[in-house]
Amino acid sequence: KLGVVQTSTSLTTEIFKRMCSKSGSSESEIVSLLQALPRSSYELDEVLRTIEQAKSTRGSLFLHKVGVSMTLDRPDMSDKCQHHFNRSIDCYLIDKDEEFRKGVFAYVMKECSSGNSNEASSSSRYF
């Protein structure tokens, strides 16, 4: 029977540091681990810094998207939301796979057309 292992956020950060410094670690391994972990198990900014230093564009993209979703409807965090949104676009554009880079258009359209309908324009959050 499978169980749940709980660790401190600092230990999770150390796991990512080790994983990113290890030769042979792949983007897919990093993203798979990020997808498997509950958001509360890591400190976003610390893990993001580690993954960006390792030049893992897709891992960085995953975390920047988490950053956007965490700050999207919080007026007090609009600068942070804009930062994560802009960095998400950067992650798409610097990826080595041309087909993946084209995904930036769908991402921008989705983010700019969704959101709180009480606002005049949800895209104004980013621009």
Protein backbone atom coordinates (compact mmCIF):
# COMPACT_ATOMS: atom_id res chain seq x y z
CA LYS A 1 0.00 0.00 0.00
CA LEU A 2 1.32 3.45 -0.91
CA GLY A 3 1.67 6.10 1.75
CA VAL A 4 2.35 9.80 1.88
CA VAL A 5 5.70 11.20 2.89
CA GLN A 6 5.72 14.70 4.30
CA THR A 7 8.88 16.78 4.35
CA SER A 8 9.74 20.34 5.17
CA THR A 9 9.80 22.87 2.34
CA SER A 10 13.54 23.32 2.90
CA LEU A 11 14.17 19.61 2.31
CA THR A 12 12.10 19.73 -0.88
CA THR A 13 14.21 22.68 -2.05
CA GLU A 14 17.37 20.68 -1.33
CA ILE A 15 15.99 17.76 -3.35
CA PHE A 16 15.46 20.06 -6.32
CA LYS A 17 18.95 21.55 -5.92
CA ARG A 18 20.47 18.09 -5.99
CA MET A 19 18.29 16.96 -8.87
CA CYS A 20 19.19 20.04 -10.94
CA SER A 21 22.92 19.73 -10.25
CA LYS A 22 23.00 16.05 -11.16
CA SER A 23 24.15 15.35 -14.70
CA GLY A 24 21.55 13.50 -16.68
CA SER A 25 18.52 15.04 -14.97
CA SER A 26 15.92 15.69 -17.58
CA GLU A 27 13.29 18.37 -17.97
CA SER A 28 10.61 15.69 -17.85
CA GLU A 29 11.86 14.36 -14.49
CA ILE A 30 11.80 17.85 -13.00
CA VAL A 31 8.32 18.60 -14.34
CA SER A 32 7.00 15.19 -13.26
CA LEU A 33 8.17 15.80 -9.70
CA LEU A 34 6.67 19.29 -9.67
CA GLN A 35 3.35 17.93 -10.91
CA ALA A 36 3.35 15.18 -8.28
CA LEU A 37 4.05 17.47 -5.33
CA PRO A 38 1.33 19.41 -3.56
CA ARG A 39 1.91 23.15 -3.84
CA SER A 40 2.33 23.45 -0.07
CA SER A 41 5.39 21.16 -0.11
CA TYR A 42 7.79 23.73 -1.56
CA GLU A 43 8.61 27.41 -1.41
CA LEU A 44 7.82 28.69 -4.90
CA ASP A 45 10.50 31.38 -5.16
CA GLU A 46 13.31 29.18 -3.82
CA VAL A 47 12.54 26.20 -6.06
CA LEU A 48 11.99 28.50 -9.02
CA ARG A 49 15.40 30.10 -8.51
CA THR A 50 17.04 26.65 -8.44
CA ILE A 51 15.23 25.44 -11.54
CA GLU A 52 15.92 28.63 -13.49
CA GLN A 53 19.63 28.38 -12.65
CA ALA A 54 19.58 24.85 -14.07
CA LYS A 55 18.05 26.31 -17.26
CA SER A 56 15.04 24.01 -17.08
CA THR A 57 12.63 26.06 -19.18
CA ARG A 58 9.67 23.72 -18.76
CA GLY A 59 10.14 23.36 -15.02
CA SER A 60 10.40 27.15 -14.78
CA LEU A 61 7.31 27.51 -16.95
CA PHE A 62 5.36 25.18 -14.67
CA LEU A 63 6.32 27.22 -11.60
CA HIS A 64 5.67 30.59 -13.24
CA LYS A 65 2.20 29.35 -14.20
CA VAL A 66 1.69 28.37 -10.56
CA GLY A 67 2.78 31.90 -9.65
CA VAL A 68 0.24 33.40 -12.04
CA SER A 69 -2.60 31.28 -10.69
CA MET A 70 -1.68 32.11 -7.07
CA THR A 71 -1.67 35.87 -7.65
CA LEU A 72 -4.18 36.36 -10.47
CA ASP A 73 -7.15 37.62 -8.50
CA ARG A 74 -5.18 39.41 -5.80
CA PRO A 75 -4.92 43.15 -6.53
CA ASP A 76 -2.20 43.50 -3.88
CA MET A 77 -0.01 41.10 -5.89
CA SER A 78 -0.54 42.43 -9.41
CA ASP A 79 3.18 43.19 -9.90
CA LYS A 80 4.11 39.64 -8.94
CA CYS A 81 1.40 38.26 -11.22
CA GLN A 82 2.71 40.34 -14.11
CA HIS A 83 6.26 39.15 -13.40
CA HIS A 84 5.21 35.48 -13.49
CA PHE A 85 3.12 36.03 -16.63
CA ASN A 86 6.02 37.74 -18.44
CA ARG A 87 8.48 35.06 -17.33
CA SER A 88 6.05 32.35 -18.51
CA ILE A 89 6.16 33.91 -21.97
CA ASP A 90 9.97 34.01 -21.77
CA CYS A 91 10.05 30.29 -20.90
CA TYR A 92 8.05 29.46 -24.00
CA LEU A 93 10.22 31.64 -26.22
CA ILE A 94 13.60 30.32 -25.03
CA ASP A 95 12.66 26.64 -25.23
CA LYS A 96 14.68 24.66 -27.77
CA ASP A 97 11.64 23.02 -29.36
CA GLU A 98 10.10 25.22 -32.06
CA GLU A 99 6.69 23.55 -31.79
CA PHE A 100 6.65 24.10 -28.04
CA ARG A 101 7.54 27.79 -28.52
CA LYS A 102 4.39 28.22 -30.62
CA GLY A 103 2.38 27.31 -27.51
CA VAL A 104 3.00 30.83 -26.24
CA PHE A 105 0.12 32.12 -28.36
CA ALA A 106 -2.43 29.73 -26.86
CA TYR A 107 -1.13 30.47 -23.36
CA VAL A 108 -1.40 34.25 -23.76
CA MET A 109 -4.85 34.01 -25.31
CA LYS A 110 -6.07 31.73 -22.48
CA GLU A 111 -4.67 33.91 -19.71
CA CYS A 112 -5.83 37.18 -21.21
CA SER A 113 -9.34 35.99 -22.01
CA SER A 114 -10.08 34.18 -18.74
CA GLY A 115 -10.47 35.60 -15.29
CA ASN A 116 -12.82 37.72 -13.30
CA SER A 117 -15.68 39.04 -15.43
CA ASN A 118 -16.17 41.93 -12.99
CA GLU A 119 -13.13 43.64 -14.43
CA ALA A 120 -13.36 45.70 -17.60
CA SER A 121 -10.63 43.68 -19.22
CA SER A 122 -8.75 40.77 -17.68
CA SER A 123 -5.81 41.45 -19.99
CA SER A 124 -5.29 44.76 -18.21
CA ARG A 125 -3.79 42.73 -15.37
CA TYR A 126 -0.71 42.13 -17.47
CA PHE A 127 -0.29 45.30 -19.49
